[in-house]
Amino acid sequence: MRKAMEDMITVGMTQAQIQGAFIMSWRLLTLVFILGSFGAFAPFGLWSGFASADTKSIVTTTRVEYLEGRMFDLKVKQCTALEEGKPTTVYTVQLQELNRKYKDLTGVYYKELPACVELK
């Protein structure tokens, strides 16, 4: 049975042509695998690569945590400057910018910053 199938596929081909076709098919298979692993087929709704969704989720979570920590640190500095009678405009502008970036990532503004009274 196997011999009959091989004869049907390779009818009229020399041994060199058969070997060339075999090598070409492996090269094509390898190329498709490499392109797929880099997400080259994602725009077509096909294989989106190895770590596309999980990596994006992890990166977003890490960025959100970083922004939350940075906003808290700026709030502490803002409150300290307020207590010392120094201008707080710089901290306010930076907080607004980080809050905008937070909204771009999450879709909502960050509202969990404590008041200066709570930081004492």
PDB file of N, CA and C in Angstrom:
ATOM      1  N   MET A   1       0.834  -1.199   0.000  1.00  0.00           N
ATOM      2  CA  MET A   1       0.000   0.000   0.000  1.00  0.00           C
ATOM      3  C   MET A   1       0.874   1.256   0.000  1.00  0.00           C
ATOM      4  N   ARG A   2       1.877   1.298   0.893  1.00  0.00           N
ATOM      5  CA  ARG A   2       2.747   2.459   0.968  1.00  0.00           C
ATOM      6  C   ARG A   2       3.505   2.646  -0.343  1.00  0.00           C
ATOM      7  N   LYS A   3       3.988   1.544  -0.898  1.00  0.00           N
ATOM      8  CA  LYS A   3       4.722   1.607  -2.164  1.00  0.00           C
ATOM      9  C   LYS A   3       3.833   2.165  -3.270  1.00  0.00           C
ATOM     10  N   ALA A   4       2.568   1.774  -3.266  1.00  0.00           N
ATOM     11  CA  ALA A   4       1.631   2.258  -4.284  1.00  0.00           C
ATOM     12  C   ALA A   4       1.408   3.755  -4.145  1.00  0.00           C
ATOM     13  N   MET A   5       1.307   4.256  -2.904  1.00  0.00           N
ATOM     14  CA  MET A   5       1.119   5.693  -2.683  1.00  0.00           C
ATOM     15  C   MET A   5       2.357   6.466  -3.107  1.00  0.00           C
ATOM     16  N   GLU A   6       3.532   5.949  -2.781  1.00  0.00           N
ATOM     17  CA  GLU A   6       4.763   6.618  -3.189  1.00  0.00           C
ATOM     18  C   GLU A   6       4.862   6.690  -4.703  1.00  0.00           C
ATOM     19  N   ASP A   7       4.471   5.614  -5.373  1.00  0.00           N
ATOM     20  CA  ASP A   7       4.516   5.590  -6.835  1.00  0.00           C
ATOM     21  C   ASP A   7       3.549   6.600  -7.440  1.00  0.00           C
ATOM     22  N   MET A   8       2.385   6.795  -6.808  1.00  0.00           N
ATOM     23  CA  MET A   8       1.419   7.760  -7.318  1.00  0.00           C
ATOM     24  C   MET A   8       1.946   9.195  -7.185  1.00  0.00           C
ATOM     25  N   ILE A   9       2.632   9.480  -6.089  1.00  0.00           N
ATOM     26  CA  ILE A   9       3.136  10.835  -5.847  1.00  0.00           C
ATOM     27  C   ILE A   9       4.348  11.133  -6.709  1.00  0.00           C
ATOM     28  N   THR A  10       5.212  10.145  -6.874  1.00  0.00           N
ATOM     29  CA  THR A  10       6.491  10.389  -7.542  1.00  0.00           C
ATOM     30  C   THR A  10       6.519   9.883  -8.973  1.00  0.00           C
ATOM     31  N   VAL A  11       5.391   9.709  -9.579  1.00  0.00           N
ATOM     32  CA  VAL A  11       5.343   9.178 -10.932  1.00  0.00           C
ATOM     33  C   VAL A  11       6.077  10.114 -11.894  1.00  0.00           C
ATOM     34  N   GLY A  12       6.997   9.574 -12.653  1.00  0.00           N
ATOM     35  CA  GLY A  12       7.731  10.337 -13.645  1.00  0.00           C
ATOM     36  C   GLY A  12       8.836  11.204 -13.084  1.00  0.00           C
ATOM     37  N   MET A  13       9.196  11.055 -11.797  1.00  0.00           N
ATOM     38  CA  MET A  13      10.246  11.866 -11.181  1.00  0.00           C
ATOM     39  C   MET A  13      11.498  11.022 -10.986  1.00  0.00           C
ATOM     40  N   THR A  14      12.645  11.628 -11.200  1.00  0.00           N
ATOM     41  CA  THR A  14      13.897  10.926 -10.944  1.00  0.00           C
ATOM     42  C   THR A  14      14.173  10.941  -9.442  1.00  0.00           C
ATOM     43  N   GLN A  15      15.150  10.162  -9.028  1.00  0.00           N
ATOM     44  CA  GLN A  15      15.502  10.101  -7.612  1.00  0.00           C
ATOM     45  C   GLN A  15      15.996  11.468  -7.116  1.00  0.00           C
ATOM     46  N   ALA A  16      16.729  12.194  -7.936  1.00  0.00           N
ATOM     47  CA  ALA A  16      17.214  13.531  -7.564  1.00  0.00           C
ATOM     48  C   ALA A  16      16.054  14.501  -7.391  1.00  0.00           C
ATOM     49  N   GLN A  17      15.046  14.416  -8.248  1.00  0.00           N
ATOM     50  CA  GLN A  17      13.874  15.287  -8.131  1.00  0.00           C
ATOM     51  C   GLN A  17      13.072  14.966  -6.878  1.00  0.00           C
ATOM     52  N   ILE A  18      12.966  13.687  -6.566  1.00  0.00           N
ATOM     53  CA  ILE A  18      12.251  13.286  -5.355  1.00  0.00           C
ATOM     54  C   ILE A  18      12.956  13.825  -4.122  1.00  0.00           C
ATOM     55  N   GLN A  19      14.291  13.688  -4.088  1.00  0.00           N
ATOM     56  CA  GLN A  19      15.070  14.175  -2.944  1.00  0.00           C
ATOM     57  C   GLN A  19      14.969  15.700  -2.849  1.00  0.00           C
ATOM     58  N   GLY A  20      15.017  16.395  -3.984  1.00  0.00           N
ATOM     59  CA  GLY A  20      14.888  17.851  -3.990  1.00  0.00           C
ATOM     60  C   GLY A  20      13.525  18.298  -3.477  1.00  0.00           C
ATOM     61  N   ALA A  21      12.472  17.580  -3.893  1.00  0.00           N
ATOM     62  CA  ALA A  21      11.124  17.913  -3.421  1.00  0.00           C
ATOM     63  C   ALA A  21      10.998  17.690  -1.914  1.00  0.00           C
ATOM     64  N   PHE A  22      11.630  16.620  -1.425  1.00  0.00           N
ATOM     65  CA  PHE A  22      11.598  16.333   0.013  1.00  0.00           C
ATOM     66  C   PHE A  22      12.297  17.440   0.807  1.00  0.00           C
ATOM     67  N   ILE A  23      13.474  17.858   0.348  1.00  0.00           N
ATOM     68  CA  ILE A  23      14.224  18.922   1.031  1.00  0.00           C
ATOM     69  C   ILE A  23      13.439  20.235   0.968  1.00  0.00           C
ATOM     70  N   MET A  24      12.864  20.535  -0.179  1.00  0.00           N
ATOM     71  CA  MET A  24      12.091  21.778  -0.323  1.00  0.00           C
ATOM     72  C   MET A  24      10.879  21.789   0.606  1.00  0.00           C
ATOM     73  N   SER A  25      10.223  20.634   0.748  1.00  0.00           N
ATOM     74  CA  SER A  25       9.049  20.599   1.631  1.00  0.00           C
ATOM     75  C   SER A  25       9.457  20.819   3.086  1.00  0.00           C
ATOM     76  N   TRP A  26      10.600  20.287   3.503  1.00  0.00           N
ATOM     77  CA  TRP A  26      11.061  20.531   4.868  1.00  0.00           C
ATOM     78  C   TRP A  26      11.443  21.991   5.075  1.00  0.00           C
ATOM     79  N   ARG A  27      12.060  22.588   4.078  1.00  0.00           N
ATOM     80  CA  ARG A  27      12.405  24.013   4.183  1.00  0.00           C
ATOM     81  C   ARG A  27      11.149  24.867   4.295  1.00  0.00           C
ATOM     82  N   LEU A  28      10.153  24.548   3.496  1.00  0.00           N
ATOM     83  CA  LEU A  28       8.890  25.289   3.539  1.00  0.00           C
ATOM     84  C   LEU A  28       8.193  25.109   4.887  1.00  0.00           C
ATOM     85  N   LEU A  29       8.179  23.896   5.397  1.00  0.00           N
ATOM     86  CA  LEU A  29       7.569  23.632   6.700  1.00  0.00           C
ATOM     87  C   LEU A  29       8.291  24.394   7.807  1.00  0.00           C
ATOM     88  N   THR A  30       9.623  24.412   7.752  1.00  0.00           N
ATOM     89  CA  THR A  30      10.413  25.143   8.744  1.00  0.00           C
ATOM     90  C   THR A  30      10.137  26.641   8.653  1.00  0.00           C
ATOM     91  N   LEU A  31      10.059  27.176   7.437  1.00  0.00           N
ATOM     92  CA  LEU A  31       9.780  28.598   7.249  1.00  0.00           C
ATOM     93  C   LEU A  31       8.409  28.968   7.808  1.00  0.00           C
ATOM     94  N   VAL A  32       7.412  28.166   7.537  1.00  0.00           N
ATOM     95  CA  VAL A  32       6.062  28.430   8.056  1.00  0.00           C
ATOM     96  C   VAL A  32       6.068  28.398   9.575  1.00  0.00           C
ATOM     97  N   PHE A  33       6.779  27.469  10.174  1.00  0.00           N
ATOM     98  CA  PHE A  33       6.850  27.378  11.629  1.00  0.00           C
ATOM     99  C   PHE A  33       7.529  28.606  12.227  1.00  0.00           C
ATOM    100  N   ILE A  34       8.643  29.031  11.635  1.00  0.00           N
ATOM    101  CA  ILE A  34       9.360  30.206  12.154  1.00  0.00           C
ATOM    102  C   ILE A  34       8.503  31.461  12.012  1.00  0.00           C
ATOM    103  N   LEU A  35       7.894  31.644  10.849  1.00  0.00           N
ATOM    104  CA  LEU A  35       7.032  32.819  10.660  1.00  0.00           C
ATOM    105  C   LEU A  35       5.850  32.801  11.622  1.00  0.00           C
ATOM    106  N   GLY A  36       5.275  31.639  11.828  1.00  0.00           N
ATOM    107  CA  GLY A  36       4.151  31.523  12.753  1.00  0.00           C
ATOM    108  C   GLY A  36       4.541  31.821  14.177  1.00  0.00           C
ATOM    109  N   SER A  37       5.738  31.403  14.575  1.00  0.00           N
ATOM    110  CA  SER A  37       6.159  31.640  15.950  1.00  0.00           C
ATOM    111  C   SER A  37       6.414  33.117  16.215  1.00  0.00           C
ATOM    112  N   PHE A  38       6.704  33.892  15.181  1.00  0.00           N
ATOM    113  CA  PHE A  38       6.869  35.333  15.342  1.00  0.00           C
ATOM    114  C   PHE A  38       5.567  36.095  15.138  1.00  0.00           C
ATOM    115  N   GLY A  39       4.486  35.400  14.885  1.00  0.00           N
ATOM    116  CA  GLY A  39       3.182  36.042  14.765  1.00  0.00           C
ATOM    117  C   GLY A  39       2.892  36.612  13.393  1.00  0.00           C
ATOM    118  N   ALA A  40       3.553  36.105  12.354  1.00  0.00           N
ATOM    119  CA  ALA A  40       3.360  36.657  11.012  1.00  0.00           C
ATOM    120  C   ALA A  40       1.972  36.363  10.461  1.00  0.00           C
ATOM    121  N   PHE A  41       1.286  35.367  10.992  1.00  0.00           N
ATOM    122  CA  PHE A  41      -0.033  35.012  10.473  1.00  0.00           C
ATOM    123  C   PHE A  41      -1.174  35.611  11.304  1.00  0.00           C
ATOM    124  N   ALA A  42      -0.854  36.357  12.336  1.00  0.00           N
ATOM    125  CA  ALA A  42      -1.870  36.943  13.211  1.00  0.00           C
ATOM    126  C   ALA A  42      -2.826  37.885  12.479  1.00  0.00           C
ATOM    127  N   PRO A  43      -2.347  38.720  11.558  1.00  0.00           N
ATOM    128  CA  PRO A  43      -3.286  39.609  10.858  1.00  0.00           C
ATOM    129  C   PRO A  43      -4.342  38.868  10.047  1.00  0.00           C
ATOM    130  N   PHE A  44      -4.086  37.609   9.736  1.00  0.00           N
ATOM    131  CA  PHE A  44      -5.030  36.824   8.955  1.00  0.00           C
ATOM    132  C   PHE A  44      -5.927  35.967   9.834  1.00  0.00           C
ATOM    133  N   GLY A  45      -5.833  36.151  11.146  1.00  0.00           N
ATOM    134  CA  GLY A  45      -6.662  35.398  12.075  1.00  0.00           C
ATOM    135  C   GLY A  45      -6.156  33.986  12.305  1.00  0.00           C
ATOM    136  N   LEU A  46      -4.925  33.756  11.934  1.00  0.00           N
ATOM    137  CA  LEU A  46      -4.343  32.433  12.116  1.00  0.00           C
ATOM    138  C   LEU A  46      -3.436  32.447  13.339  1.00  0.00           C
ATOM    139  N   TRP A  47      -2.499  31.591  13.386  1.00  0.00           N
ATOM    140  CA  TRP A  47      -1.584  31.414  14.510  1.00  0.00           C
ATOM    141  C   TRP A  47      -0.940  32.741  14.898  1.00  0.00           C
ATOM    142  N   SER A  48      -1.069  33.154  16.152  1.00  0.00           N
ATOM    143  CA  SER A  48      -0.576  34.466  16.567  1.00  0.00           C
ATOM    144  C   SER A  48       0.750  34.407  17.290  1.00  0.00           C
ATOM    145  N   GLY A  49       1.451  33.313  17.231  1.00  0.00           N
ATOM    146  CA  GLY A  49       2.762  33.227  17.865  1.00  0.00           C
ATOM    147  C   GLY A  49       2.679  32.551  19.211  1.00  0.00           C
ATOM    148  N   PHE A  50       3.826  32.377  19.807  1.00  0.00           N
ATOM    149  CA  PHE A  50       3.910  31.607  21.037  1.00  0.00           C
ATOM    150  C   PHE A  50       3.411  32.352  22.268  1.00  0.00           C
ATOM    151  N   ALA A  51       3.840  33.589  22.451  1.00  0.00           N
ATOM    152  CA  ALA A  51       3.567  34.264  23.720  1.00  0.00           C
ATOM    153  C   ALA A  51       2.831  35.573  23.529  1.00  0.00           C
ATOM    154  N   SER A  52       1.969  35.655  22.563  1.00  0.00           N
ATOM    155  CA  SER A  52       1.364  36.947  22.259  1.00  0.00           C
ATOM    156  C   SER A  52       0.408  37.434  23.339  1.00  0.00           C
ATOM    157  N   ALA A  53      -0.593  36.661  23.714  1.00  0.00           N
ATOM    158  CA  ALA A  53      -1.605  37.128  24.662  1.00  0.00           C
ATOM    159  C   ALA A  53      -1.069  37.167  26.088  1.00  0.00           C
ATOM    160  N   ASP A  54      -0.384  36.122  26.511  1.00  0.00           N
ATOM    161  CA  ASP A  54       0.116  36.076  27.879  1.00  0.00           C
ATOM    162  C   ASP A  54       1.150  37.161  28.130  1.00  0.00           C
ATOM    163  N   THR A  55       2.050  37.364  27.207  1.00  0.00           N
ATOM    164  CA  THR A  55       3.088  38.370  27.371  1.00  0.00           C
ATOM    165  C   THR A  55       2.476  39.760  27.434  1.00  0.00           C
ATOM    166  N   LYS A  56       1.516  40.031  26.583  1.00  0.00           N
ATOM    167  CA  LYS A  56       0.868  41.347  26.593  1.00  0.00           C
ATOM    168  C   LYS A  56       0.173  41.593  27.926  1.00  0.00           C
ATOM    169  N   SER A  57      -0.477  40.588  28.468  1.00  0.00           N
ATOM    170  CA  SER A  57      -1.161  40.714  29.748  1.00  0.00           C
ATOM    171  C   SER A  57      -0.167  40.978  30.876  1.00  0.00           C
ATOM    172  N   ILE A  58       0.938  40.254  30.861  1.00  0.00           N
ATOM    173  CA  ILE A  58       1.959  40.426  31.903  1.00  0.00           C
ATOM    174  C   ILE A  58       2.586  41.808  31.817  1.00  0.00           C
ATOM    175  N   VAL A  59       2.890  42.254  30.605  1.00  0.00           N
ATOM    176  CA  VAL A  59       3.499  43.576  30.423  1.00  0.00           C
ATOM    177  C   VAL A  59       2.538  44.665  30.887  1.00  0.00           C
ATOM    178  N   THR A  60       1.265  44.547  30.544  1.00  0.00           N
ATOM    179  CA  THR A  60       0.270  45.541  30.968  1.00  0.00           C
ATOM    180  C   THR A  60       0.154  45.572  32.481  1.00  0.00           C
ATOM    181  N   THR A  61       0.094  44.410  33.112  1.00  0.00           N
ATOM    182  CA  THR A  61       0.004  44.345  34.578  1.00  0.00           C
ATOM    183  C   THR A  61       1.219  44.980  35.223  1.00  0.00           C
ATOM    184  N   THR A  62       2.398  44.701  34.689  1.00  0.00           N
ATOM    185  CA  THR A  62       3.637  45.274  35.233  1.00  0.00           C
ATOM    186  C   THR A  62       3.646  46.786  35.080  1.00  0.00           C
ATOM    187  N   ARG A  63       3.222  47.272  33.928  1.00  0.00           N
ATOM    188  CA  ARG A  63       3.186  48.724  33.713  1.00  0.00           C
ATOM    189  C   ARG A  63       2.187  49.395  34.647  1.00  0.00           C
ATOM    190  N   VAL A  64       1.035  48.777  34.860  1.00  0.00           N
ATOM    191  CA  VAL A  64       0.023  49.338  35.761  1.00  0.00           C
ATOM    192  C   VAL A  64       0.575  49.410  37.177  1.00  0.00           C
ATOM    193  N   GLU A  65       1.218  48.338  37.625  1.00  0.00           N
ATOM    194  CA  GLU A  65       1.803  48.335  38.975  1.00  0.00           C
ATOM    195  C   GLU A  65       2.883  49.398  39.109  1.00  0.00           C
ATOM    196  N   TYR A  66       3.693  49.568  38.075  1.00  0.00           N
ATOM    197  CA  TYR A  66       4.730  50.600  38.105  1.00  0.00           C
ATOM    198  C   TYR A  66       4.099  51.991  38.212  1.00  0.00           C
ATOM    199  N   LEU A  67       3.071  52.238  37.396  1.00  0.00           N
ATOM    200  CA  LEU A  67       2.420  53.552  37.431  1.00  0.00           C
ATOM    201  C   LEU A  67       1.783  53.824  38.783  1.00  0.00           C
ATOM    202  N   GLU A  68       1.151  52.811  39.381  1.00  0.00           N
ATOM    203  CA  GLU A  68       0.550  52.994  40.704  1.00  0.00           C
ATOM    204  C   GLU A  68       1.608  53.363  41.733  1.00  0.00           C
ATOM    205  N   GLY A  69       2.732  52.666  41.719  1.00  0.00           N
ATOM    206  CA  GLY A  69       3.815  52.962  42.660  1.00  0.00           C
ATOM    207  C   GLY A  69       4.413  54.333  42.438  1.00  0.00           C
ATOM    208  N   ARG A  70       4.599  54.687  41.185  1.00  0.00           N
ATOM    209  CA  ARG A  70       5.162  56.001  40.854  1.00  0.00           C
ATOM    210  C   ARG A  70       4.209  57.118  41.267  1.00  0.00           C
ATOM    211  N   MET A  71       2.906  56.929  41.061  1.00  0.00           N
ATOM    212  CA  MET A  71       1.933  57.950  41.470  1.00  0.00           C
ATOM    213  C   MET A  71       1.909  58.095  42.989  1.00  0.00           C
ATOM    214  N   PHE A  72       2.021  56.985  43.702  1.00  0.00           N
ATOM    215  CA  PHE A  72       2.037  57.068  45.166  1.00  0.00           C
ATOM    216  C   PHE A  72       3.274  57.830  45.636  1.00  0.00           C
ATOM    217  N   ASP A  73       4.433  57.530  45.046  1.00  0.00           N
ATOM    218  CA  ASP A  73       5.666  58.240  45.422  1.00  0.00           C
ATOM    219  C   ASP A  73       5.541  59.736  45.150  1.00  0.00           C
ATOM    220  N   LEU A  74       4.964  60.086  44.006  1.00  0.00           N
ATOM    221  CA  LEU A  74       4.778  61.511  43.697  1.00  0.00           C
ATOM    222  C   LEU A  74       3.803  62.167  44.657  1.00  0.00           C
ATOM    223  N   LYS A  75       2.775  61.452  45.080  1.00  0.00           N
ATOM    224  CA  LYS A  75       1.813  62.004  46.037  1.00  0.00           C
ATOM    225  C   LYS A  75       2.493  62.288  47.371  1.00  0.00           C
ATOM    226  N   VAL A  76       3.370  61.364  47.788  1.00  0.00           N
ATOM    227  CA  VAL A  76       4.116  61.578  49.035  1.00  0.00           C
ATOM    228  C   VAL A  76       4.998  62.816  48.904  1.00  0.00           C
ATOM    229  N   LYS A  77       5.700  62.948  47.775  1.00  0.00           N
ATOM    230  CA  LYS A  77       6.555  64.127  47.556  1.00  0.00           C
ATOM    231  C   LYS A  77       5.726  65.407  47.492  1.00  0.00           C
ATOM    232  N   GLN A  78       4.545  65.328  46.876  1.00  0.00           N
ATOM    233  CA  GLN A  78       3.669  66.489  46.787  1.00  0.00           C
ATOM    234  C   GLN A  78       3.212  66.921  48.179  1.00  0.00           C
ATOM    235  N   CYS A  79       2.840  65.953  48.993  1.00  0.00           N
ATOM    236  CA  CYS A  79       2.386  66.280  50.345  1.00  0.00           C
ATOM    237  C   CYS A  79       3.524  66.836  51.195  1.00  0.00           C
ATOM    238  N   THR A  80       4.721  66.267  51.021  1.00  0.00           N
ATOM    239  CA  THR A  80       5.887  66.777  51.755  1.00  0.00           C
ATOM    240  C   THR A  80       6.182  68.210  51.340  1.00  0.00           C
ATOM    241  N   ALA A  81       6.136  68.502  50.051  1.00  0.00           N
ATOM    242  CA  ALA A  81       6.373  69.864  49.577  1.00  0.00           C
ATOM    243  C   ALA A  81       5.296  70.807  50.081  1.00  0.00           C
ATOM    244  N   LEU A  82       4.072  70.349  50.154  1.00  0.00           N
ATOM    245  CA  LEU A  82       2.967  71.160  50.647  1.00  0.00           C
ATOM    246  C   LEU A  82       3.175  71.527  52.116  1.00  0.00           C
ATOM    247  N   GLU A  83       3.628  70.539  52.908  1.00  0.00           N
ATOM    248  CA  GLU A  83       3.883  70.792  54.331  1.00  0.00           C
ATOM    249  C   GLU A  83       5.026  71.773  54.527  1.00  0.00           C
ATOM    250  N   GLU A  84       6.015  71.707  53.632  1.00  0.00           N
ATOM    251  CA  GLU A  84       7.176  72.589  53.755  1.00  0.00           C
ATOM    252  C   GLU A  84       6.938  73.947  53.107  1.00  0.00           C
ATOM    253  N   GLY A  85       5.783  74.141  52.502  1.00  0.00           N
ATOM    254  CA  GLY A  85       5.451  75.428  51.884  1.00  0.00           C
ATOM    255  C   GLY A  85       6.090  75.622  50.521  1.00  0.00           C
ATOM    256  N   LYS A  86       6.560  74.550  49.908  1.00  0.00           N
ATOM    257  CA  LYS A  86       7.170  74.645  48.577  1.00  0.00           C
ATOM    258  C   LYS A  86       6.088  74.480  47.510  1.00  0.00           C
ATOM    259  N   PRO A  87       6.388  74.925  46.281  1.00  0.00           N
ATOM    260  CA  PRO A  87       5.403  74.775  45.201  1.00  0.00           C
ATOM    261  C   PRO A  87       5.175  73.295  44.856  1.00  0.00           C
ATOM    262  N   THR A  88       3.938  72.964  44.552  1.00  0.00           N
ATOM    263  CA  THR A  88       3.594  71.573  44.245  1.00  0.00           C
ATOM    264  C   THR A  88       3.128  71.385  42.802  1.00  0.00           C
ATOM    265  N   THR A  89       3.258  72.421  41.998  1.00  0.00           N
ATOM    266  CA  THR A  89       2.779  72.360  40.620  1.00  0.00           C
ATOM    267  C   THR A  89       3.464  71.249  39.819  1.00  0.00           C
ATOM    268  N   VAL A  90       4.765  71.098  40.014  1.00  0.00           N
ATOM    269  CA  VAL A  90       5.519  70.081  39.276  1.00  0.00           C
ATOM    270  C   VAL A  90       4.960  68.697  39.578  1.00  0.00           C
ATOM    271  N   TYR A  91       4.695  68.428  40.849  1.00  0.00           N
ATOM    272  CA  TYR A  91       4.174  67.118  41.236  1.00  0.00           C
ATOM    273  C   TYR A  91       2.751  66.909  40.715  1.00  0.00           C
ATOM    274  N   THR A  92       1.967  67.967  40.725  1.00  0.00           N
ATOM    275  CA  THR A  92       0.596  67.869  40.226  1.00  0.00           C
ATOM    276  C   THR A  92       0.580  67.542  38.736  1.00  0.00           C
ATOM    277  N   VAL A  93       1.435  68.215  37.974  1.00  0.00           N
ATOM    278  CA  VAL A  93       1.504  67.968  36.527  1.00  0.00           C
ATOM    279  C   VAL A  93       1.978  66.541  36.260  1.00  0.00           C
ATOM    280  N   GLN A  94       2.984  66.095  37.002  1.00  0.00           N
ATOM    281  CA  GLN A  94       3.490  64.734  36.816  1.00  0.00           C
ATOM    282  C   GLN A  94       2.423  63.691  37.187  1.00  0.00           C
ATOM    283  N   LEU A  95       1.700  63.955  38.259  1.00  0.00           N
ATOM    284  CA  LEU A  95       0.623  63.049  38.653  1.00  0.00           C
ATOM    285  C   LEU A  95      -0.467  62.968  37.588  1.00  0.00           C
ATOM    286  N   GLN A  96      -0.809  64.114  37.019  1.00  0.00           N
ATOM    287  CA  GLN A  96      -1.826  64.127  35.966  1.00  0.00           C
ATOM    288  C   GLN A  96      -1.356  63.344  34.740  1.00  0.00           C
ATOM    289  N   GLU A  97      -0.085  63.493  34.389  1.00  0.00           N
ATOM    290  CA  GLU A  97       0.459  62.771  33.236  1.00  0.00           C
ATOM    291  C   GLU A  97       0.466  61.257  33.477  1.00  0.00           C
ATOM    292  N   LEU A  98       0.887  60.833  34.660  1.00  0.00           N
ATOM    293  CA  LEU A  98       0.883  59.409  34.986  1.00  0.00           C
ATOM    294  C   LEU A  98      -0.543  58.864  35.054  1.00  0.00           C
ATOM    295  N   ASN A  99      -1.474  59.674  35.558  1.00  0.00           N
ATOM    296  CA  ASN A  99      -2.868  59.250  35.627  1.00  0.00           C
ATOM    297  C   ASN A  99      -3.454  59.083  34.217  1.00  0.00           C
ATOM    298  N   ARG A 100      -3.028  59.941  33.281  1.00  0.00           N
ATOM    299  CA  ARG A 100      -3.467  59.807  31.899  1.00  0.00           C
ATOM    300  C   ARG A 100      -2.932  58.506  31.291  1.00  0.00           C
ATOM    301  N   LYS A 101      -1.661  58.196  31.559  1.00  0.00           N
ATOM    302  CA  LYS A 101      -1.075  56.947  31.070  1.00  0.00           C
ATOM    303  C   LYS A 101      -1.780  55.741  31.689  1.00  0.00           C
ATOM    304  N   TYR A 102      -2.135  55.877  32.966  1.00  0.00           N
ATOM    305  CA  TYR A 102      -2.861  54.802  33.652  1.00  0.00           C
ATOM    306  C   TYR A 102      -4.212  54.572  32.976  1.00  0.00           C
ATOM    307  N   LYS A 103      -4.890  55.666  32.630  1.00  0.00           N
ATOM    308  CA  LYS A 103      -6.194  55.540  31.966  1.00  0.00           C
ATOM    309  C   LYS A 103      -6.040  54.919  30.586  1.00  0.00           C
ATOM    310  N   ASP A 104      -4.971  55.261  29.874  1.00  0.00           N
ATOM    311  CA  ASP A 104      -4.741  54.667  28.557  1.00  0.00           C
ATOM    312  C   ASP A 104      -4.584  53.152  28.651  1.00  0.00           C
ATOM    313  N   LEU A 105      -3.968  52.697  29.744  1.00  0.00           N
ATOM    314  CA  LEU A 105      -3.762  51.253  29.924  1.00  0.00           C
ATOM    315  C   LEU A 105      -5.008  50.527  30.422  1.00  0.00           C
ATOM    316  N   THR A 106      -5.706  51.136  31.372  1.00  0.00           N
ATOM    317  CA  THR A 106      -6.792  50.426  32.053  1.00  0.00           C
ATOM    318  C   THR A 106      -8.184  50.874  31.639  1.00  0.00           C
ATOM    319  N   GLY A 107      -8.304  52.082  31.105  1.00  0.00           N
ATOM    320  CA  GLY A 107      -9.612  52.588  30.714  1.00  0.00           C
ATOM    321  C   GLY A 107     -10.282  53.432  31.783  1.00  0.00           C
ATOM    322  N   VAL A 108      -9.704  53.501  32.990  1.00  0.00           N
ATOM    323  CA  VAL A 108     -10.253  54.325  34.076  1.00  0.00           C
ATOM    324  C   VAL A 108      -9.114  55.099  34.725  1.00  0.00           C
ATOM    325  N   TYR A 109      -9.466  56.221  35.340  1.00  0.00           N
ATOM    326  CA  TYR A 109      -8.472  56.993  36.070  1.00  0.00           C
ATOM    327  C   TYR A 109      -8.187  56.330  37.412  1.00  0.00           C
ATOM    328  N   TYR A 110      -6.974  56.521  37.910  1.00  0.00           N
ATOM    329  CA  TYR A 110      -6.574  55.966  39.203  1.00  0.00           C
ATOM    330  C   TYR A 110      -7.090  56.888  40.295  1.00  0.00           C
ATOM    331  N   LYS A 111      -7.942  56.377  41.192  1.00  0.00           N
ATOM    332  CA  LYS A 111      -8.568  57.216  42.211  1.00  0.00           C
ATOM    333  C   LYS A 111      -8.211  56.772  43.626  1.00  0.00           C
ATOM    334  N   GLU A 112      -7.213  55.909  43.757  1.00  0.00           N
ATOM    335  CA  GLU A 112      -6.910  55.359  45.072  1.00  0.00           C
ATOM    336  C   GLU A 112      -5.760  56.064  45.782  1.00  0.00           C
ATOM    337  N   LEU A 113      -5.361  57.223  45.292  1.00  0.00           N
ATOM    338  CA  LEU A 113      -4.297  57.961  45.976  1.00  0.00           C
ATOM    339  C   LEU A 113      -4.836  58.533  47.281  1.00  0.00           C
ATOM    340  N   PRO A 114      -4.091  58.356  48.358  1.00  0.00           N
ATOM    341  CA  PRO A 114      -4.558  58.862  49.646  1.00  0.00           C
ATOM    342  C   PRO A 114      -4.431  60.388  49.717  1.00  0.00           C
ATOM    343  N   ALA A 115      -5.222  60.969  50.577  1.00  0.00           N
ATOM    344  CA  ALA A 115      -5.105  62.398  50.821  1.00  0.00           C
ATOM    345  C   ALA A 115      -3.857  62.639  51.668  1.00  0.00           C
ATOM    346  N   CYS A 116      -3.362  63.865  51.656  1.00  0.00           N
ATOM    347  CA  CYS A 116      -2.150  64.188  52.403  1.00  0.00           C
ATOM    348  C   CYS A 116      -2.329  63.947  53.905  1.00  0.00           C
ATOM    349  N   VAL A 117      -3.541  64.113  54.387  1.00  0.00           N
ATOM    350  CA  VAL A 117      -3.812  63.884  55.822  1.00  0.00           C
ATOM    351  C   VAL A 117      -3.593  62.417  56.168  1.00  0.00           C
ATOM    352  N   GLU A 118      -3.909  61.520  55.250  1.00  0.00           N
ATOM    353  CA  GLU A 118      -3.757  60.090  55.511  1.00  0.00           C
ATOM    354  C   GLU A 118      -2.306  59.622  55.442  1.00  0.00           C
ATOM    355  N   LEU A 119      -1.437  60.423  54.860  1.00  0.00           N
ATOM    356  CA  LEU A 119      -0.027  60.021  54.707  1.00  0.00           C
ATOM    357  C   LEU A 119       0.822  60.367  55.921  1.00  0.00           C
ATOM    358  N   LYS A 120       0.267  61.089  56.865  1.00  0.00           N
ATOM    359  CA  LYS A 120       1.034  61.485  58.056  1.00  0.00           C
ATOM    360  C   LYS A 120       1.171  60.343  59.002  1.00  0.00           C
TER     361      LYS A 120
END
